[in-house]
Protein backbone atom coordinates (compact mmCIF):
# COMPACT_ATOMS: atom_id res chain seq x y z
CA UNK A 1 78.08 75.23 137.99
CA UNK A 2 75.77 73.46 140.58
CA UNK A 3 74.20 69.66 139.76
CA UNK A 4 70.64 71.16 139.47
CA UNK A 5 71.92 73.36 136.92
CA UNK A 6 72.97 70.86 135.14
CA UNK A 7 70.29 68.25 135.46
CA UNK A 8 67.98 71.04 134.26
CA UNK A 9 70.30 71.98 130.96
CA UNK A 10 70.39 67.64 130.85
CA UNK A 11 66.60 67.80 130.76
CA UNK A 12 65.86 70.57 128.06
CA UNK A 13 68.35 68.84 125.69
CA UNK A 14 66.18 65.64 125.79
CA UNK A 15 62.95 67.01 124.95
CA UNK A 16 64.60 69.10 122.40
CA UNK A 17 65.75 66.27 120.73
CA UNK A 18 62.28 64.66 121.68
CA UNK A 19 60.65 67.19 120.49
CA UNK A 20 62.60 67.26 116.90
CA UNK A 21 62.25 63.55 116.47
CA UNK A 22 58.38 63.92 116.67
CA UNK A 23 58.17 66.99 114.77
CA UNK A 24 60.07 65.04 111.75
CA UNK A 25 57.89 61.86 112.38
CA UNK A 26 54.63 63.95 111.62
CA UNK A 27 55.85 65.35 108.72
CA UNK A 28 57.01 62.43 107.56
CA UNK A 29 53.17 60.88 108.17
CA UNK A 30 51.65 63.94 106.90
CA UNK A 31 53.80 63.74 103.39
CA UNK A 32 52.79 59.83 103.22
CA UNK A 33 49.03 60.99 103.67
CA UNK A 34 49.15 63.79 101.22
CA UNK A 35 50.54 61.20 98.57
CA UNK A 36 48.20 58.98 99.39
CA UNK A 37 44.98 61.15 99.35
CA UNK A 38 47.06 62.18 95.72
CA UNK A 39 46.86 58.53 94.40
CA UNK A 40 43.58 58.04 95.26
CA UNK A 41 42.55 61.14 93.39
CA UNK A 42 44.35 60.25 90.30
CA UNK A 43 42.54 56.71 90.31
CA UNK A 44 39.42 57.98 90.70
CA UNK A 45 39.41 60.69 88.33
CA UNK A 46 39.87 61.32 84.96
CA UNK A 47 41.81 64.10 83.07
CA UNK A 48 45.45 64.81 81.13
CA UNK A 49 48.50 63.60 83.50
CA UNK A 50 50.12 66.86 83.35
CA UNK A 51 47.49 68.40 85.34
CA UNK A 52 47.09 66.15 87.99
CA UNK A 53 49.66 68.38 89.84
CA UNK A 54 48.50 71.26 89.36
CA UNK A 55 45.09 70.34 91.40
CA UNK A 56 44.54 71.00 95.11
CA UNK A 57 45.94 67.00 96.08
CA UNK A 58 49.01 68.26 94.42
CA UNK A 59 49.62 71.22 96.05
CA UNK A 60 49.27 69.42 99.24
CA UNK A 61 51.60 67.37 98.41
CA UNK A 62 53.93 70.04 98.04
CA UNK A 63 52.96 72.27 100.65
CA UNK A 64 53.53 68.45 102.93
CA UNK A 65 57.03 66.98 101.11
CA UNK A 66 58.56 69.98 99.32
CA UNK A 67 57.91 71.53 96.26
CA UNK A 68 60.79 69.04 95.23
CA UNK A 69 58.05 66.13 95.64
CA UNK A 70 56.25 67.12 92.72
CA UNK A 71 57.54 69.56 90.32
CA UNK A 72 55.27 72.15 88.69
CA UNK A 73 55.68 75.37 86.42
CA UNK A 74 57.06 78.26 88.84
CA UNK A 75 54.02 80.67 90.42
CA UNK A 76 51.68 77.94 90.12
CA UNK A 77 50.88 77.65 94.35
CA UNK A 78 50.52 81.79 94.02
CA UNK A 79 47.15 82.73 94.28
CA UNK A 80 46.37 85.47 92.06
CA UNK A 81 46.13 88.87 92.63
CA UNK A 82 42.69 90.43 93.04
CA UNK A 83 42.50 94.05 92.01
CA UNK A 84 39.75 95.86 93.74
CA UNK A 85 38.58 98.77 91.87
CA UNK A 86 35.82 101.50 93.77
CA UNK A 87 32.54 101.66 92.11
CA UNK A 88 31.83 104.63 90.17
CA UNK A 89 30.39 107.70 91.83
CA UNK A 90 26.51 108.34 90.66
CA UNK A 91 26.11 111.49 88.62
CA UNK A 92 25.67 114.44 90.58
CA UNK A 93 21.77 115.70 90.38
CA UNK A 94 21.48 118.90 88.15
CA UNK A 95 21.12 122.47 90.68
CA UNK A 96 18.32 124.34 90.45
CA UNK A 97 18.06 126.98 87.64
CA UNK A 98 18.70 130.33 89.41
CA UNK A 99 16.15 132.91 89.10
CA UNK A 100 15.75 135.06 86.64
CA UNK A 101 16.95 138.75 87.46
CA UNK A 102 14.48 141.66 86.00
């Protein structure tokens, strides 16, 4: 192998390592921010404690930190299926009567 090829492979490997570490740091900071927002929401709102994980802030924590971070019942984060129904057709206008035959 040429030395130039080795240099490119080494540079690509270093770039990949840096990219992975940056992604890990970003996800960790997003997770921490989501938890901070969630805890602040809990301090400023009063509701039944079991309802806090079901809020938008709880969903943000699960999205940033993983579903195990804030357990909820299955299918909590699945949006409901909307059923679109066609509008009924308006009734047909009555046809004019046929002329009488003699």
